[in-house]
């Protein structure tokens, strides 16, 4: 890990429209809330924890963990990363609160790769080819994000052109498990069923024990 302190940030965004407005991170996978799984992974890799959520009810979700809302409202995931950097006042490791299978060992590796980078993100088989909602962000990202937001560019990776970016290669990610499952988002009841089935497999339960 880097010597500088790093805050683990749970990003609780989205309006959960496919869940009828229910907070999706509070759903349970194998009897455990998804948000608690994310916290366990972050705790293994960081020095303290923070929750970024705009829902006032979120104060009750993680007792003992400080909650902050977005600094700039209504800007989606990029606004959440920006808020994390503003409130943490230092480097952050962020994970979306609907990712039940991100292992702590992967987050440790992301943080360890940050010595010469402002952003460290894992590669995946997604449309973008990487996972910005499971990544390390250093303080220089704040000004870069603000410039993009001021230009009405809300793309989560739009500011990457303005900072030093390191990628954790797909093969390195795959050493921690199937990237498609590591980075899966539980966005719907159907996704929750997939997550439950995966959690019942040795790979699914093994990832969580590692965190």
N, C-alpha and C. Protein backbone atom coordinates (compact mmCIF):
# COMPACT_ATOMS: atom_id res chain seq x y z
N UNK A 1 0.84 -1.20 0.00
CA UNK A 1 0.00 0.00 0.00
C UNK A 1 0.87 1.25 0.00
N UNK A 2 0.30 2.36 -0.44
CA UNK A 2 1.00 3.62 -0.37
C UNK A 2 1.06 4.08 1.08
N UNK A 3 2.09 4.88 1.40
CA UNK A 3 2.25 5.34 2.77
C UNK A 3 1.18 6.34 3.16
N UNK A 4 0.72 7.16 2.21
CA UNK A 4 -0.29 8.16 2.49
C UNK A 4 -1.62 7.51 2.86
N UNK A 5 -2.29 8.12 3.82
CA UNK A 5 -3.59 7.58 4.24
C UNK A 5 -4.58 7.60 3.08
N UNK A 6 -5.45 6.62 3.08
CA UNK A 6 -6.43 6.49 1.99
C UNK A 6 -7.78 6.16 2.61
N UNK A 7 -8.80 6.87 2.14
CA UNK A 7 -10.16 6.65 2.63
C UNK A 7 -10.92 5.71 1.70
N UNK A 8 -11.56 4.72 2.27
CA UNK A 8 -12.43 3.84 1.50
C UNK A 8 -13.82 4.43 1.41
N UNK A 9 -14.33 4.58 0.19
CA UNK A 9 -15.59 5.28 -0.02
C UNK A 9 -16.62 4.36 -0.67
N UNK A 10 -17.75 4.22 -0.02
CA UNK A 10 -18.90 3.52 -0.59
C UNK A 10 -19.73 4.55 -1.36
N UNK A 11 -19.87 4.35 -2.65
CA UNK A 11 -20.66 5.26 -3.48
C UNK A 11 -22.09 4.71 -3.59
N UNK A 12 -23.00 5.36 -2.91
CA UNK A 12 -24.40 4.91 -2.92
C UNK A 12 -25.20 5.83 -3.81
N UNK A 13 -25.11 5.61 -5.09
CA UNK A 13 -25.80 6.46 -6.05
C UNK A 13 -26.95 5.74 -6.72
N UNK A 14 -27.59 6.44 -7.65
CA UNK A 14 -28.69 5.86 -8.40
C UNK A 14 -30.01 5.97 -7.66
N UNK A 15 -31.10 5.90 -8.44
CA UNK A 15 -32.42 6.02 -7.82
C UNK A 15 -33.13 4.68 -7.67
N UNK A 16 -32.43 3.59 -7.98
CA UNK A 16 -32.98 2.24 -7.77
C UNK A 16 -34.34 2.06 -8.42
N UNK A 17 -34.52 2.63 -9.62
CA UNK A 17 -35.82 2.59 -10.28
C UNK A 17 -36.26 1.16 -10.55
N UNK A 18 -35.31 0.26 -10.83
CA UNK A 18 -35.67 -1.13 -11.11
C UNK A 18 -35.97 -1.89 -9.83
N UNK A 19 -35.75 -1.27 -8.69
CA UNK A 19 -36.11 -1.86 -7.41
C UNK A 19 -37.31 -1.13 -6.79
N UNK A 20 -38.02 -0.38 -7.60
CA UNK A 20 -39.17 0.35 -7.08
C UNK A 20 -38.78 1.43 -6.09
N UNK A 21 -37.54 1.93 -6.21
CA UNK A 21 -37.07 2.98 -5.31
C UNK A 21 -36.43 2.46 -4.05
N UNK A 22 -36.44 1.16 -3.81
CA UNK A 22 -35.79 0.62 -2.62
C UNK A 22 -34.27 0.75 -2.77
N UNK A 23 -33.55 1.02 -1.68
CA UNK A 23 -32.09 1.13 -1.76
C UNK A 23 -31.46 -0.22 -2.11
N UNK A 24 -30.90 -0.33 -3.31
CA UNK A 24 -30.43 -1.63 -3.78
C UNK A 24 -29.24 -2.15 -2.99
N UNK A 25 -28.43 -1.26 -2.45
CA UNK A 25 -27.29 -1.72 -1.68
C UNK A 25 -27.65 -2.35 -0.35
N UNK A 26 -28.91 -2.20 0.06
CA UNK A 26 -29.37 -2.82 1.30
C UNK A 26 -29.96 -4.20 1.07
N UNK A 27 -30.06 -4.60 -0.21
CA UNK A 27 -30.48 -5.97 -0.50
C UNK A 27 -29.42 -6.95 0.00
N UNK A 28 -29.82 -8.17 0.23
CA UNK A 28 -28.90 -9.17 0.80
C UNK A 28 -28.51 -10.22 -0.23
N UNK A 29 -27.24 -10.56 -0.20
CA UNK A 29 -26.70 -11.66 -1.00
C UNK A 29 -26.14 -12.68 -0.01
N UNK A 30 -26.66 -13.89 -0.05
CA UNK A 30 -26.27 -14.94 0.90
C UNK A 30 -26.42 -14.45 2.34
N UNK A 31 -27.50 -13.71 2.59
CA UNK A 31 -27.81 -13.28 3.94
C UNK A 31 -27.09 -12.05 4.42
N UNK A 32 -26.27 -11.45 3.59
CA UNK A 32 -25.46 -10.30 4.00
C UNK A 32 -25.75 -9.12 3.09
N UNK A 33 -25.98 -7.95 3.66
CA UNK A 33 -26.26 -6.78 2.84
C UNK A 33 -25.10 -6.49 1.88
N UNK A 34 -25.44 -6.09 0.67
CA UNK A 34 -24.39 -5.78 -0.31
C UNK A 34 -23.50 -4.67 0.22
N UNK A 35 -24.07 -3.66 0.84
CA UNK A 35 -23.27 -2.56 1.36
C UNK A 35 -22.26 -3.04 2.40
N UNK A 36 -22.62 -4.04 3.20
CA UNK A 36 -21.69 -4.58 4.19
C UNK A 36 -20.55 -5.35 3.53
N UNK A 37 -20.84 -6.00 2.42
CA UNK A 37 -19.81 -6.69 1.66
C UNK A 37 -18.80 -5.68 1.11
N UNK A 38 -19.32 -4.57 0.59
CA UNK A 38 -18.44 -3.52 0.06
C UNK A 38 -17.58 -2.92 1.17
N UNK A 39 -18.19 -2.66 2.32
CA UNK A 39 -17.45 -2.11 3.45
C UNK A 39 -16.32 -3.05 3.88
N UNK A 40 -16.60 -4.34 3.93
CA UNK A 40 -15.57 -5.29 4.34
C UNK A 40 -14.39 -5.28 3.38
N UNK A 41 -14.67 -5.20 2.08
CA UNK A 41 -13.59 -5.16 1.10
C UNK A 41 -12.78 -3.89 1.24
N UNK A 42 -13.45 -2.75 1.40
CA UNK A 42 -12.75 -1.48 1.55
C UNK A 42 -11.95 -1.43 2.84
N UNK A 43 -12.49 -1.98 3.91
CA UNK A 43 -11.79 -1.95 5.19
C UNK A 43 -10.48 -2.70 5.14
N UNK A 44 -10.41 -3.71 4.28
CA UNK A 44 -9.18 -4.49 4.14
C UNK A 44 -8.07 -3.70 3.44
N UNK A 45 -8.44 -2.62 2.73
CA UNK A 45 -7.47 -1.94 1.88
C UNK A 45 -7.24 -0.48 2.25
N UNK A 46 -8.01 0.07 3.19
CA UNK A 46 -7.95 1.50 3.46
C UNK A 46 -7.82 1.77 4.95
N UNK A 47 -7.66 3.06 5.28
CA UNK A 47 -7.41 3.46 6.66
C UNK A 47 -8.67 3.94 7.40
N UNK A 48 -9.65 4.42 6.67
CA UNK A 48 -10.93 4.79 7.25
C UNK A 48 -11.99 4.72 6.16
N UNK A 49 -13.24 4.93 6.57
CA UNK A 49 -14.36 4.71 5.66
C UNK A 49 -15.27 5.93 5.60
N UNK A 50 -15.94 6.06 4.46
CA UNK A 50 -16.89 7.14 4.24
C UNK A 50 -17.99 6.63 3.32
N UNK A 51 -19.19 7.15 3.53
CA UNK A 51 -20.32 6.85 2.67
C UNK A 51 -20.74 8.11 1.95
N UNK A 52 -20.82 8.03 0.61
CA UNK A 52 -21.34 9.14 -0.18
C UNK A 52 -22.75 8.76 -0.60
N UNK A 53 -23.73 9.48 -0.06
CA UNK A 53 -25.14 9.19 -0.36
C UNK A 53 -25.94 10.45 -0.11
N UNK A 54 -26.92 10.70 -0.97
CA UNK A 54 -27.76 11.88 -0.82
C UNK A 54 -29.05 11.62 -0.05
N UNK A 55 -29.39 10.36 0.12
CA UNK A 55 -30.61 9.99 0.84
C UNK A 55 -30.42 10.26 2.33
N UNK A 56 -31.23 11.11 2.95
CA UNK A 56 -31.09 11.38 4.39
C UNK A 56 -31.17 10.11 5.24
N UNK A 57 -31.90 9.11 4.76
CA UNK A 57 -32.02 7.86 5.51
C UNK A 57 -30.69 7.12 5.59
N UNK A 58 -29.74 7.51 4.74
CA UNK A 58 -28.45 6.82 4.69
C UNK A 58 -27.66 6.97 5.98
N UNK A 59 -28.01 7.94 6.82
CA UNK A 59 -27.32 8.09 8.10
C UNK A 59 -27.47 6.85 8.96
N UNK A 60 -28.49 6.06 8.69
CA UNK A 60 -28.75 4.86 9.49
C UNK A 60 -28.15 3.60 8.86
N UNK A 61 -27.64 3.70 7.66
CA UNK A 61 -27.22 2.49 6.96
C UNK A 61 -25.94 1.88 7.53
N UNK A 62 -25.00 2.74 7.90
CA UNK A 62 -23.69 2.25 8.37
C UNK A 62 -23.32 3.00 9.65
N UNK A 63 -23.83 2.57 10.78
CA UNK A 63 -23.50 3.25 12.03
C UNK A 63 -21.98 3.33 12.23
N UNK A 64 -21.52 4.53 12.59
CA UNK A 64 -20.10 4.73 12.82
C UNK A 64 -19.33 5.18 11.59
N UNK A 65 -19.99 5.15 10.42
CA UNK A 65 -19.35 5.60 9.18
C UNK A 65 -19.95 6.95 8.80
N UNK A 66 -19.10 7.94 8.57
CA UNK A 66 -19.57 9.28 8.24
C UNK A 66 -20.18 9.30 6.84
N UNK A 67 -21.35 9.93 6.74
CA UNK A 67 -22.00 10.11 5.44
C UNK A 67 -21.87 11.55 4.98
N UNK A 68 -21.61 11.72 3.70
CA UNK A 68 -21.64 13.02 3.06
C UNK A 68 -22.46 12.92 1.78
N UNK A 69 -23.09 14.02 1.40
CA UNK A 69 -23.79 14.06 0.13
C UNK A 69 -22.93 14.67 -0.96
N UNK A 70 -23.47 14.68 -2.17
CA UNK A 70 -22.76 15.28 -3.29
C UNK A 70 -22.56 16.77 -3.05
N UNK A 71 -21.42 17.28 -3.47
CA UNK A 71 -21.15 18.72 -3.42
C UNK A 71 -21.88 19.42 -4.56
N UNK A 72 -21.85 18.79 -5.72
CA UNK A 72 -22.60 19.27 -6.88
C UNK A 72 -23.69 18.24 -7.17
N UNK A 73 -24.91 18.64 -7.01
CA UNK A 73 -26.03 17.70 -7.03
C UNK A 73 -26.43 17.34 -8.46
N UNK A 74 -26.86 16.09 -8.62
CA UNK A 74 -27.46 15.66 -9.87
C UNK A 74 -26.50 15.38 -10.99
N UNK A 75 -25.25 15.04 -10.66
CA UNK A 75 -24.23 14.83 -11.69
C UNK A 75 -23.81 13.37 -11.80
N UNK A 76 -24.58 12.49 -11.20
CA UNK A 76 -24.32 11.07 -11.38
C UNK A 76 -23.05 10.58 -10.69
N UNK A 77 -22.48 9.54 -11.26
CA UNK A 77 -21.33 8.88 -10.64
C UNK A 77 -20.12 9.80 -10.52
N UNK A 78 -19.92 10.65 -11.53
CA UNK A 78 -18.78 11.56 -11.47
C UNK A 78 -18.94 12.53 -10.30
N UNK A 79 -20.18 12.96 -10.04
CA UNK A 79 -20.42 13.81 -8.89
C UNK A 79 -20.11 13.09 -7.58
N UNK A 80 -20.34 11.79 -7.54
CA UNK A 80 -20.02 11.02 -6.35
C UNK A 80 -18.53 10.92 -6.10
N UNK A 81 -17.77 10.67 -7.16
CA UNK A 81 -16.31 10.62 -7.01
C UNK A 81 -15.78 11.99 -6.59
N UNK A 82 -16.33 13.04 -7.18
CA UNK A 82 -15.92 14.40 -6.80
C UNK A 82 -16.20 14.65 -5.32
N UNK A 83 -17.39 14.28 -4.86
CA UNK A 83 -17.73 14.48 -3.45
C UNK A 83 -16.79 13.71 -2.54
N UNK A 84 -16.42 12.49 -2.94
CA UNK A 84 -15.50 11.69 -2.14
C UNK A 84 -14.17 12.42 -1.96
N UNK A 85 -13.65 12.99 -3.05
CA UNK A 85 -12.37 13.69 -2.99
C UNK A 85 -12.47 14.97 -2.17
N UNK A 86 -13.57 15.69 -2.30
CA UNK A 86 -13.75 16.92 -1.54
C UNK A 86 -13.79 16.63 -0.04
N UNK A 87 -14.57 15.64 0.36
CA UNK A 87 -14.77 15.38 1.78
C UNK A 87 -13.60 14.61 2.41
N UNK A 88 -12.95 13.76 1.65
CA UNK A 88 -11.84 12.97 2.21
C UNK A 88 -10.58 13.81 2.37
N UNK A 89 -10.39 14.80 1.51
CA UNK A 89 -9.19 15.65 1.54
C UNK A 89 -7.91 14.83 1.42
N UNK A 90 -7.99 13.79 0.66
CA UNK A 90 -6.84 12.91 0.42
C UNK A 90 -7.23 11.84 -0.57
N UNK A 91 -6.35 10.86 -0.80
CA UNK A 91 -6.66 9.78 -1.74
C UNK A 91 -7.87 8.97 -1.29
N UNK A 92 -8.60 8.44 -2.29
CA UNK A 92 -9.75 7.61 -1.98
C UNK A 92 -9.73 6.34 -2.84
N UNK A 93 -10.26 5.29 -2.28
CA UNK A 93 -10.61 4.08 -3.02
C UNK A 93 -12.13 4.00 -3.02
N UNK A 94 -12.73 4.02 -4.18
CA UNK A 94 -14.19 4.02 -4.25
C UNK A 94 -14.71 2.71 -4.82
N UNK A 95 -15.84 2.28 -4.29
CA UNK A 95 -16.53 1.10 -4.81
C UNK A 95 -18.03 1.41 -4.79
N UNK A 96 -18.70 1.14 -5.89
CA UNK A 96 -20.15 1.31 -5.94
C UNK A 96 -20.82 0.34 -4.98
N UNK A 97 -21.88 0.79 -4.36
CA UNK A 97 -22.49 0.01 -3.29
C UNK A 97 -23.32 -1.16 -3.78
N UNK A 98 -23.41 -1.35 -5.10
CA UNK A 98 -24.17 -2.48 -5.62
C UNK A 98 -23.27 -3.55 -6.22
N UNK A 99 -21.97 -3.56 -5.84
CA UNK A 99 -21.01 -4.56 -6.31
C UNK A 99 -20.70 -5.53 -5.17
N UNK A 100 -21.38 -6.66 -5.09
CA UNK A 100 -21.21 -7.54 -3.92
C UNK A 100 -19.95 -8.38 -3.90
N UNK A 101 -19.22 -8.46 -5.01
CA UNK A 101 -18.13 -9.43 -5.08
C UNK A 101 -16.75 -8.83 -5.29
N UNK A 102 -16.57 -7.56 -5.03
CA UNK A 102 -15.24 -6.96 -5.14
C UNK A 102 -14.40 -7.43 -3.96
N UNK A 103 -13.29 -8.10 -4.19
CA UNK A 103 -12.47 -8.62 -3.08
C UNK A 103 -11.51 -7.57 -2.53
N UNK A 104 -11.27 -7.63 -1.25
CA UNK A 104 -10.33 -6.72 -0.62
C UNK A 104 -8.94 -6.79 -1.22
N UNK A 105 -8.51 -8.00 -1.60
CA UNK A 105 -7.16 -8.15 -2.16
C UNK A 105 -6.99 -7.37 -3.46
N UNK A 106 -8.05 -7.29 -4.25
CA UNK A 106 -7.99 -6.49 -5.48
C UNK A 106 -7.83 -5.01 -5.14
N UNK A 107 -8.56 -4.53 -4.15
CA UNK A 107 -8.45 -3.13 -3.75
C UNK A 107 -7.07 -2.82 -3.20
N UNK A 108 -6.50 -3.74 -2.46
CA UNK A 108 -5.13 -3.56 -1.98
C UNK A 108 -4.16 -3.41 -3.15
N UNK A 109 -4.36 -4.21 -4.18
CA UNK A 109 -3.49 -4.13 -5.35
C UNK A 109 -3.67 -2.80 -6.09
N UNK A 110 -4.91 -2.32 -6.20
CA UNK A 110 -5.14 -1.02 -6.82
C UNK A 110 -4.42 0.08 -6.05
N UNK A 111 -4.56 0.07 -4.76
CA UNK A 111 -3.89 1.10 -3.94
C UNK A 111 -2.38 1.00 -4.07
N UNK A 112 -1.87 -0.20 -4.11
CA UNK A 112 -0.43 -0.38 -4.21
C UNK A 112 0.17 0.08 -5.52
N UNK A 113 -0.67 0.21 -6.55
CA UNK A 113 -0.19 0.64 -7.86
C UNK A 113 -0.25 2.14 -8.04
N UNK A 114 -0.53 2.88 -6.97
CA UNK A 114 -0.82 4.31 -7.11
C UNK A 114 0.38 5.22 -6.91
N UNK A 115 1.57 4.67 -6.76
CA UNK A 115 2.71 5.52 -6.42
C UNK A 115 3.03 6.53 -7.51
N UNK A 116 2.78 6.21 -8.76
CA UNK A 116 3.08 7.12 -9.87
C UNK A 116 1.85 7.42 -10.72
N UNK A 117 0.69 7.43 -10.08
CA UNK A 117 -0.55 7.66 -10.82
C UNK A 117 -1.54 8.44 -9.96
N UNK A 118 -2.42 9.17 -10.63
CA UNK A 118 -3.51 9.86 -9.96
C UNK A 118 -4.77 9.01 -9.93
N UNK A 119 -4.88 8.09 -10.88
CA UNK A 119 -6.01 7.18 -10.99
C UNK A 119 -5.47 5.78 -11.23
N UNK A 120 -6.03 4.81 -10.54
CA UNK A 120 -5.74 3.40 -10.83
C UNK A 120 -7.08 2.68 -10.95
N UNK A 121 -7.32 2.10 -12.11
CA UNK A 121 -8.59 1.41 -12.34
C UNK A 121 -8.32 0.02 -12.92
N UNK A 122 -9.18 -0.93 -12.60
CA UNK A 122 -9.02 -2.28 -13.13
C UNK A 122 -9.65 -2.42 -14.51
N UNK A 123 -9.02 -3.22 -15.34
CA UNK A 123 -9.60 -3.53 -16.64
C UNK A 123 -10.65 -4.63 -16.49
N UNK A 124 -11.61 -4.62 -17.42
CA UNK A 124 -12.70 -5.60 -17.37
C UNK A 124 -13.19 -5.85 -18.79
N UNK A 125 -14.20 -6.69 -18.89
CA UNK A 125 -14.80 -6.95 -20.18
C UNK A 125 -16.00 -6.07 -20.46
N UNK A 126 -16.13 -4.96 -19.74
CA UNK A 126 -17.27 -4.07 -19.91
C UNK A 126 -17.14 -3.24 -21.18
N UNK A 127 -18.17 -2.47 -21.46
CA UNK A 127 -18.18 -1.61 -22.65
C UNK A 127 -16.99 -0.64 -22.63
N UNK A 128 -16.71 -0.07 -21.48
CA UNK A 128 -15.58 0.85 -21.37
C UNK A 128 -14.23 0.13 -21.39
N UNK A 129 -14.24 -1.12 -20.97
CA UNK A 129 -12.99 -1.86 -20.85
C UNK A 129 -12.31 -1.67 -19.52
N UNK A 130 -12.91 -0.89 -18.63
CA UNK A 130 -12.38 -0.68 -17.29
C UNK A 130 -13.52 -0.31 -16.35
N UNK A 131 -13.20 -0.25 -15.06
CA UNK A 131 -14.24 -0.08 -14.04
C UNK A 131 -13.96 1.14 -13.17
N UNK A 132 -14.42 2.32 -13.59
CA UNK A 132 -14.13 3.53 -12.82
C UNK A 132 -14.82 3.60 -11.46
N UNK A 133 -15.85 2.79 -11.25
CA UNK A 133 -16.53 2.79 -9.95
C UNK A 133 -15.97 1.73 -9.01
N UNK A 134 -14.77 1.28 -9.33
CA UNK A 134 -13.97 0.45 -8.44
C UNK A 134 -12.53 0.88 -8.67
N UNK A 135 -12.16 2.00 -8.06
CA UNK A 135 -10.85 2.55 -8.41
C UNK A 135 -10.27 3.46 -7.35
N UNK A 136 -9.00 3.79 -7.56
CA UNK A 136 -8.25 4.69 -6.69
C UNK A 136 -8.17 6.06 -7.35
N UNK A 137 -8.40 7.12 -6.54
CA UNK A 137 -8.34 8.48 -7.05
C UNK A 137 -7.55 9.35 -6.07
N UNK A 138 -6.55 10.06 -6.58
CA UNK A 138 -5.72 10.95 -5.78
C UNK A 138 -6.24 12.38 -5.87
N UNK A 139 -5.85 13.25 -4.94
CA UNK A 139 -6.36 14.62 -4.90
C UNK A 139 -6.28 15.41 -6.20
N UNK A 140 -5.26 15.26 -7.06
CA UNK A 140 -5.26 16.03 -8.31
C UNK A 140 -6.49 15.78 -9.20
N UNK A 141 -7.19 14.68 -8.96
CA UNK A 141 -8.38 14.39 -9.77
C UNK A 141 -9.49 15.40 -9.50
N UNK A 142 -9.50 15.99 -8.31
CA UNK A 142 -10.60 16.90 -7.98
C UNK A 142 -10.67 18.07 -8.96
N UNK A 143 -9.57 18.76 -9.17
CA UNK A 143 -9.58 19.92 -10.08
C UNK A 143 -9.89 19.48 -11.50
N UNK A 144 -9.37 18.31 -11.90
CA UNK A 144 -9.63 17.80 -13.25
C UNK A 144 -11.11 17.51 -13.44
N UNK A 145 -11.74 16.92 -12.42
CA UNK A 145 -13.18 16.65 -12.49
C UNK A 145 -13.97 17.95 -12.55
N UNK A 146 -13.58 18.91 -11.74
CA UNK A 146 -14.31 20.18 -11.71
C UNK A 146 -14.25 20.89 -13.06
N UNK A 147 -13.10 20.81 -13.72
CA UNK A 147 -13.01 21.42 -15.05
C UNK A 147 -13.97 20.74 -16.02
N UNK A 148 -14.06 19.43 -15.95
CA UNK A 148 -14.98 18.71 -16.84
C UNK A 148 -16.43 19.03 -16.50
N UNK A 149 -16.75 19.08 -15.23
CA UNK A 149 -18.13 19.40 -14.84
C UNK A 149 -18.50 20.82 -15.27
N UNK A 150 -17.55 21.74 -15.14
CA UNK A 150 -17.81 23.12 -15.58
C UNK A 150 -18.07 23.18 -17.08
N UNK A 151 -17.51 22.22 -17.81
CA UNK A 151 -17.73 22.15 -19.27
C UNK A 151 -18.92 21.26 -19.62
N UNK A 152 -19.69 20.86 -18.59
CA UNK A 152 -20.87 20.01 -18.76
C UNK A 152 -20.52 18.64 -19.32
N UNK A 153 -19.34 18.16 -19.00
CA UNK A 153 -18.90 16.81 -19.38
C UNK A 153 -19.04 15.92 -18.15
N UNK A 154 -20.07 15.08 -18.15
CA UNK A 154 -20.36 14.24 -16.98
C UNK A 154 -19.87 12.81 -17.15
N UNK A 155 -19.13 12.54 -18.19
CA UNK A 155 -18.60 11.18 -18.37
C UNK A 155 -17.68 10.82 -17.21
N UNK A 156 -17.85 9.62 -16.70
CA UNK A 156 -17.08 9.22 -15.52
C UNK A 156 -15.59 9.21 -15.82
N UNK A 157 -15.22 8.87 -17.04
CA UNK A 157 -13.80 8.80 -17.38
C UNK A 157 -13.36 9.98 -18.24
N UNK A 158 -14.19 10.99 -18.39
CA UNK A 158 -13.83 12.12 -19.23
C UNK A 158 -12.58 12.84 -18.77
N UNK A 159 -12.37 12.92 -17.47
CA UNK A 159 -11.21 13.65 -16.95
C UNK A 159 -9.93 12.83 -16.98
N UNK A 160 -10.01 11.57 -17.36
CA UNK A 160 -8.82 10.72 -17.37
C UNK A 160 -7.73 11.28 -18.30
N UNK A 161 -8.13 12.02 -19.33
CA UNK A 161 -7.15 12.60 -20.24
C UNK A 161 -6.30 13.68 -19.57
N UNK A 162 -6.74 14.16 -18.42
CA UNK A 162 -6.09 15.29 -17.76
C UNK A 162 -5.25 14.89 -16.56
N UNK A 163 -5.20 13.60 -16.25
CA UNK A 163 -4.45 13.12 -15.09
C UNK A 163 -3.64 11.89 -15.48
N UNK A 164 -2.79 11.43 -14.55
CA UNK A 164 -1.99 10.23 -14.79
C UNK A 164 -2.82 9.00 -14.43
N UNK A 165 -3.03 8.14 -15.40
CA UNK A 165 -3.89 6.97 -15.21
C UNK A 165 -3.08 5.69 -15.35
N UNK A 166 -3.25 4.79 -14.38
CA UNK A 166 -2.66 3.45 -14.46
C UNK A 166 -3.80 2.44 -14.49
N UNK A 167 -3.59 1.40 -15.25
CA UNK A 167 -4.60 0.34 -15.34
C UNK A 167 -4.04 -0.95 -14.74
N UNK A 168 -4.87 -1.62 -13.97
CA UNK A 168 -4.54 -2.97 -13.54
C UNK A 168 -5.06 -3.90 -14.61
N UNK A 169 -4.15 -4.62 -15.28
CA UNK A 169 -4.51 -5.41 -16.44
C UNK A 169 -5.55 -6.48 -16.17
N UNK A 170 -6.26 -6.85 -17.22
CA UNK A 170 -7.33 -7.83 -17.11
C UNK A 170 -6.82 -9.14 -16.50
N UNK A 171 -5.66 -9.60 -16.93
CA UNK A 171 -5.13 -10.86 -16.40
C UNK A 171 -4.82 -10.75 -14.91
N UNK A 172 -4.36 -9.57 -14.49
CA UNK A 172 -4.09 -9.37 -13.06
C UNK A 172 -5.39 -9.35 -12.28
N UNK A 173 -6.41 -8.73 -12.84
CA UNK A 173 -7.73 -8.74 -12.19
C UNK A 173 -8.25 -10.17 -12.08
N UNK A 174 -8.08 -10.94 -13.15
CA UNK A 174 -8.63 -12.30 -13.19
C UNK A 174 -8.00 -13.22 -12.16
N UNK A 175 -6.84 -12.86 -11.64
CA UNK A 175 -6.24 -13.66 -10.57
C UNK A 175 -7.10 -13.62 -9.31
N UNK A 176 -7.98 -12.62 -9.21
CA UNK A 176 -8.84 -12.47 -8.04
C UNK A 176 -10.22 -13.09 -8.26
N UNK A 177 -10.47 -13.61 -9.46
CA UNK A 177 -11.77 -14.18 -9.76
C UNK A 177 -12.24 -13.78 -11.14
N UNK A 178 -13.43 -14.19 -11.49
CA UNK A 178 -14.02 -13.86 -12.78
C UNK A 178 -14.37 -12.37 -12.82
N UNK A 179 -13.70 -11.57 -13.68
CA UNK A 179 -14.00 -10.13 -13.70
C UNK A 179 -15.48 -9.81 -13.92
N UNK A 180 -16.17 -10.65 -14.70
CA UNK A 180 -17.59 -10.39 -14.94
C UNK A 180 -18.39 -10.44 -13.65
N UNK A 181 -17.96 -11.27 -12.70
CA UNK A 181 -18.66 -11.36 -11.42
C UNK A 181 -18.10 -10.38 -10.40
N UNK A 182 -16.80 -10.18 -10.41
CA UNK A 182 -16.20 -9.22 -9.48
C UNK A 182 -16.88 -7.86 -9.61
N UNK A 183 -17.15 -7.45 -10.86
CA UNK A 183 -17.67 -6.11 -11.11
C UNK A 183 -19.17 -6.08 -11.43
N UNK A 184 -19.85 -7.18 -11.18
CA UNK A 184 -21.28 -7.17 -11.48
C UNK A 184 -22.01 -6.19 -10.57
N UNK A 185 -23.01 -5.53 -11.12
CA UNK A 185 -23.85 -4.62 -10.36
C UNK A 185 -25.22 -5.26 -10.15
N UNK A 186 -25.72 -5.21 -8.94
CA UNK A 186 -27.06 -5.71 -8.66
C UNK A 186 -28.03 -4.56 -8.87
N UNK A 187 -28.55 -4.46 -10.07
CA UNK A 187 -29.45 -3.37 -10.45
C UNK A 187 -30.91 -3.76 -10.49
N UNK A 188 -31.19 -5.05 -10.38
CA UNK A 188 -32.56 -5.52 -10.54
C UNK A 188 -32.74 -6.81 -9.74
N UNK A 189 -33.98 -7.22 -9.50
CA UNK A 189 -34.21 -8.49 -8.84
C UNK A 189 -33.58 -9.66 -9.59
N UNK A 190 -33.54 -9.56 -10.91
CA UNK A 190 -32.92 -10.63 -11.70
C UNK A 190 -31.43 -10.71 -11.40
N UNK A 191 -30.78 -9.55 -11.31
CA UNK A 191 -29.35 -9.52 -10.96
C UNK A 191 -29.13 -10.12 -9.58
N UNK A 192 -30.04 -9.83 -8.66
CA UNK A 192 -29.90 -10.37 -7.31
C UNK A 192 -29.94 -11.89 -7.33
N UNK A 193 -30.79 -12.45 -8.19
CA UNK A 193 -30.83 -13.90 -8.32
C UNK A 193 -29.52 -14.46 -8.83
N UNK A 194 -28.92 -13.78 -9.81
CA UNK A 194 -27.62 -14.21 -10.33
C UNK A 194 -26.57 -14.14 -9.22
N UNK A 195 -26.58 -13.07 -8.45
CA UNK A 195 -25.62 -12.91 -7.36
C UNK A 195 -25.78 -13.99 -6.31
N UNK A 196 -27.02 -14.32 -5.98
CA UNK A 196 -27.27 -15.38 -4.99
C UNK A 196 -26.71 -16.72 -5.48
N UNK A 197 -26.92 -17.00 -6.75
CA UNK A 197 -26.42 -18.26 -7.30
C UNK A 197 -24.90 -18.29 -7.27
N UNK A 198 -24.27 -17.17 -7.63
CA UNK A 198 -22.81 -17.12 -7.63
C UNK A 198 -22.26 -17.21 -6.21
N UNK A 199 -22.93 -16.57 -5.26
CA UNK A 199 -22.46 -16.61 -3.87
C UNK A 199 -22.46 -18.02 -3.32
N UNK A 200 -23.28 -18.89 -3.89
CA UNK A 200 -23.35 -20.27 -3.42
C UNK A 200 -22.22 -21.13 -3.96
N UNK A 201 -21.45 -20.61 -4.92
CA UNK A 201 -20.33 -21.36 -5.49
C UNK A 201 -19.06 -21.11 -4.68
N UNK A 202 -18.06 -22.01 -4.80
CA UNK A 202 -16.80 -21.78 -4.09
C UNK A 202 -16.15 -20.45 -4.45
N UNK A 203 -16.20 -20.06 -5.73
CA UNK A 203 -15.59 -18.78 -6.11
C UNK A 203 -16.31 -17.61 -5.47
N UNK A 204 -17.63 -17.66 -5.43
CA UNK A 204 -18.38 -16.56 -4.86
C UNK A 204 -18.15 -16.37 -3.39
N UNK A 205 -18.16 -17.45 -2.63
CA UNK A 205 -17.94 -17.33 -1.20
C UNK A 205 -16.48 -17.06 -0.89
N UNK A 206 -15.60 -17.57 -1.73
CA UNK A 206 -14.16 -17.37 -1.50
C UNK A 206 -13.76 -15.92 -1.62
N UNK A 207 -14.35 -15.19 -2.58
CA UNK A 207 -14.03 -13.77 -2.72
C UNK A 207 -14.35 -13.00 -1.45
N UNK A 208 -15.47 -13.31 -0.84
CA UNK A 208 -15.86 -12.55 0.34
C UNK A 208 -14.99 -12.91 1.54
N UNK A 209 -14.57 -14.14 1.64
CA UNK A 209 -13.69 -14.51 2.75
C UNK A 209 -12.35 -13.78 2.62
N UNK A 210 -11.91 -13.56 1.37
CA UNK A 210 -10.65 -12.89 1.14
C UNK A 210 -10.70 -11.46 1.61
N UNK A 211 -11.89 -10.81 1.51
CA UNK A 211 -12.02 -9.42 1.95
C UNK A 211 -11.93 -9.33 3.46
